[in-house]
């Protein structure tokens, strides 16, 4: 597949995105707890990570096949 060159970039971007999203969610939850006394249990589970990864690679596969 010609577009296979992009797969390492997708993997690296997902590796950065998941911890970054978890950090933003923690900061947002902490901000809501301290400023408005609202506690929202925001979590990222293994299922969320796997599902997101499958969606990203699924879209990549479909668009690669359609443009090829």
N, C-alpha and C. Protein backbone atom coordinates (compact mmCIF):
# COMPACT_ATOMS: atom_id res chain seq x y z
N UNK A 1 0.84 -1.17 0.00
CA UNK A 1 0.00 0.00 0.00
C UNK A 1 0.89 1.24 0.00
N UNK A 2 0.62 2.14 -0.90
CA UNK A 2 1.42 3.35 -1.04
C UNK A 2 1.34 4.24 0.20
N UNK A 3 0.18 4.29 0.83
CA UNK A 3 -0.01 5.17 1.98
C UNK A 3 0.51 4.57 3.28
N UNK A 4 1.17 3.42 3.21
CA UNK A 4 1.72 2.78 4.40
C UNK A 4 2.79 3.61 5.09
N UNK A 5 3.33 4.59 4.38
CA UNK A 5 4.34 5.47 4.98
C UNK A 5 3.75 6.30 6.13
N UNK A 6 2.43 6.49 6.11
CA UNK A 6 1.79 7.31 7.14
C UNK A 6 1.48 6.55 8.42
N UNK A 7 1.55 5.24 8.40
CA UNK A 7 1.18 4.44 9.57
C UNK A 7 2.05 4.76 10.79
N UNK A 8 3.37 4.90 10.68
CA UNK A 8 4.15 5.28 11.87
C UNK A 8 3.75 6.65 12.43
N UNK A 9 3.40 7.59 11.56
CA UNK A 9 2.98 8.90 12.04
C UNK A 9 1.65 8.81 12.78
N UNK A 10 0.76 7.97 12.31
CA UNK A 10 -0.51 7.78 13.00
C UNK A 10 -0.29 7.16 14.37
N UNK A 11 0.59 6.18 14.44
CA UNK A 11 0.87 5.52 15.72
C UNK A 11 1.50 6.50 16.71
N UNK A 12 2.45 7.29 16.25
CA UNK A 12 3.10 8.27 17.13
C UNK A 12 2.10 9.33 17.58
N UNK A 13 1.25 9.79 16.67
CA UNK A 13 0.28 10.81 17.06
C UNK A 13 -0.73 10.27 18.06
N UNK A 14 -1.15 9.02 17.91
CA UNK A 14 -2.04 8.43 18.90
C UNK A 14 -1.33 8.24 20.24
N UNK A 15 -0.06 7.89 20.19
CA UNK A 15 0.71 7.72 21.43
C UNK A 15 0.84 9.04 22.19
N UNK A 16 0.87 10.16 21.48
CA UNK A 16 0.89 11.47 22.13
C UNK A 16 -0.51 11.92 22.53
N UNK A 17 -1.51 11.58 21.73
CA UNK A 17 -2.86 12.10 21.94
C UNK A 17 -3.53 11.52 23.18
N UNK A 18 -3.36 10.24 23.44
CA UNK A 18 -4.05 9.63 24.57
C UNK A 18 -3.59 10.19 25.92
N UNK A 19 -2.29 10.27 26.19
CA UNK A 19 -1.88 10.88 27.47
C UNK A 19 -2.24 12.37 27.55
N UNK A 20 -2.15 13.06 26.44
CA UNK A 20 -2.51 14.47 26.42
C UNK A 20 -4.00 14.65 26.73
N UNK A 21 -4.84 13.83 26.14
CA UNK A 21 -6.28 13.89 26.41
C UNK A 21 -6.57 13.55 27.87
N UNK A 22 -5.87 12.56 28.41
CA UNK A 22 -6.06 12.21 29.81
C UNK A 22 -5.66 13.37 30.73
N UNK A 23 -4.56 14.03 30.39
CA UNK A 23 -4.12 15.18 31.18
C UNK A 23 -5.11 16.33 31.12
N UNK A 24 -5.62 16.64 29.93
CA UNK A 24 -6.62 17.70 29.80
C UNK A 24 -7.90 17.36 30.57
N UNK A 25 -8.29 16.09 30.52
CA UNK A 25 -9.49 15.69 31.25
C UNK A 25 -9.28 15.81 32.76
N UNK A 26 -8.10 15.49 33.23
CA UNK A 26 -7.80 15.62 34.66
C UNK A 26 -7.81 17.07 35.10
N UNK A 27 -7.21 17.94 34.29
CA UNK A 27 -7.19 19.37 34.61
C UNK A 27 -8.60 19.93 34.59
N UNK A 28 -9.39 19.57 33.59
CA UNK A 28 -10.76 20.06 33.48
C UNK A 28 -11.61 19.58 34.65
N UNK A 29 -11.46 18.32 35.02
CA UNK A 29 -12.21 17.78 36.15
C UNK A 29 -11.80 18.47 37.45
N UNK A 30 -10.51 18.68 37.63
CA UNK A 30 -10.04 19.39 38.81
C UNK A 30 -10.53 20.82 38.86
N UNK A 31 -10.56 21.49 37.72
CA UNK A 31 -11.06 22.87 37.65
C UNK A 31 -12.54 22.93 38.02
N UNK A 32 -13.32 22.00 37.50
CA UNK A 32 -14.75 21.99 37.83
C UNK A 32 -14.97 21.68 39.31
N UNK A 33 -14.17 20.80 39.85
CA UNK A 33 -14.32 20.44 41.26
C UNK A 33 -14.01 21.62 42.17
N UNK A 34 -12.96 22.36 41.87
CA UNK A 34 -12.57 23.47 42.74
C UNK A 34 -13.40 24.73 42.51
N UNK A 35 -13.75 25.02 41.28
CA UNK A 35 -14.43 26.29 41.01
C UNK A 35 -15.94 26.21 41.17
N UNK A 36 -16.55 25.10 40.78
CA UNK A 36 -18.01 25.02 40.80
C UNK A 36 -18.53 23.90 41.70
N UNK A 37 -17.65 23.23 42.39
CA UNK A 37 -18.02 22.09 43.25
C UNK A 37 -18.82 21.04 42.48
N UNK A 38 -18.42 20.82 41.25
CA UNK A 38 -19.04 19.80 40.41
C UNK A 38 -17.98 18.73 40.14
N UNK A 39 -18.34 17.51 40.45
CA UNK A 39 -17.41 16.41 40.20
C UNK A 39 -17.94 15.55 39.06
N UNK A 40 -17.16 15.46 37.99
CA UNK A 40 -17.52 14.65 36.84
C UNK A 40 -16.49 13.53 36.72
N UNK A 41 -16.92 12.29 36.84
CA UNK A 41 -15.96 11.18 36.73
C UNK A 41 -15.59 10.91 35.27
N UNK A 42 -14.56 11.55 34.80
CA UNK A 42 -14.09 11.37 33.43
C UNK A 42 -12.97 10.35 33.42
N UNK A 43 -13.12 9.32 32.63
CA UNK A 43 -12.10 8.28 32.56
C UNK A 43 -11.84 7.88 31.11
N UNK A 44 -10.66 7.38 30.87
CA UNK A 44 -10.32 6.77 29.59
C UNK A 44 -9.96 5.32 29.89
N UNK A 45 -10.73 4.41 29.34
CA UNK A 45 -10.47 2.99 29.59
C UNK A 45 -9.71 2.38 28.41
N UNK A 46 -9.28 1.16 28.60
CA UNK A 46 -8.59 0.44 27.53
C UNK A 46 -9.52 0.27 26.33
N UNK A 47 -10.81 0.06 26.61
CA UNK A 47 -11.79 -0.07 25.53
C UNK A 47 -11.84 1.20 24.69
N UNK A 48 -11.82 2.37 25.33
CA UNK A 48 -11.83 3.64 24.60
C UNK A 48 -10.61 3.77 23.70
N UNK A 49 -9.46 3.40 24.22
CA UNK A 49 -8.21 3.51 23.45
C UNK A 49 -8.25 2.57 22.25
N UNK A 50 -8.66 1.33 22.47
CA UNK A 50 -8.72 0.36 21.37
C UNK A 50 -9.76 0.75 20.33
N UNK A 51 -10.93 1.21 20.78
CA UNK A 51 -11.98 1.61 19.86
C UNK A 51 -11.55 2.80 19.02
N UNK A 52 -10.92 3.79 19.65
CA UNK A 52 -10.45 4.96 18.91
C UNK A 52 -9.38 4.57 17.90
N UNK A 53 -8.45 3.71 18.31
CA UNK A 53 -7.40 3.26 17.39
C UNK A 53 -7.99 2.51 16.20
N UNK A 54 -8.97 1.66 16.46
CA UNK A 54 -9.62 0.93 15.36
C UNK A 54 -10.35 1.88 14.42
N UNK A 55 -11.01 2.87 14.95
CA UNK A 55 -11.71 3.85 14.11
C UNK A 55 -10.72 4.62 13.25
N UNK A 56 -9.63 5.09 13.84
CA UNK A 56 -8.64 5.86 13.08
C UNK A 56 -8.05 5.01 11.96
N UNK A 57 -7.65 3.78 12.27
CA UNK A 57 -7.07 2.93 11.23
C UNK A 57 -8.12 2.48 10.22
N UNK A 58 -9.37 2.33 10.65
CA UNK A 58 -10.44 1.99 9.72
C UNK A 58 -10.69 3.10 8.71
N UNK A 59 -10.74 4.33 9.19
CA UNK A 59 -10.91 5.48 8.28
C UNK A 59 -9.71 5.59 7.35
N UNK A 60 -8.52 5.38 7.89
CA UNK A 60 -7.31 5.42 7.06
C UNK A 60 -7.37 4.36 5.97
N UNK A 61 -7.78 3.15 6.33
CA UNK A 61 -7.85 2.07 5.35
C UNK A 61 -8.89 2.36 4.26
N UNK A 62 -10.05 2.83 4.66
CA UNK A 62 -11.11 3.12 3.68
C UNK A 62 -10.68 4.24 2.74
N UNK A 63 -10.13 5.32 3.28
CA UNK A 63 -9.72 6.42 2.41
C UNK A 63 -8.54 6.04 1.52
N UNK A 64 -7.65 5.19 2.03
CA UNK A 64 -6.53 4.72 1.21
C UNK A 64 -7.03 3.88 0.04
N UNK A 65 -7.97 3.01 0.31
CA UNK A 65 -8.50 2.16 -0.75
C UNK A 65 -9.33 2.95 -1.76
N UNK A 66 -10.06 3.94 -1.28
CA UNK A 66 -10.87 4.76 -2.20
C UNK A 66 -10.02 5.65 -3.10
N UNK A 67 -8.90 6.12 -2.57
CA UNK A 67 -8.07 7.02 -3.37
C UNK A 67 -7.06 6.26 -4.24
N UNK A 68 -6.90 4.99 -4.00
CA UNK A 68 -5.94 4.20 -4.75
C UNK A 68 -6.59 3.73 -5.97
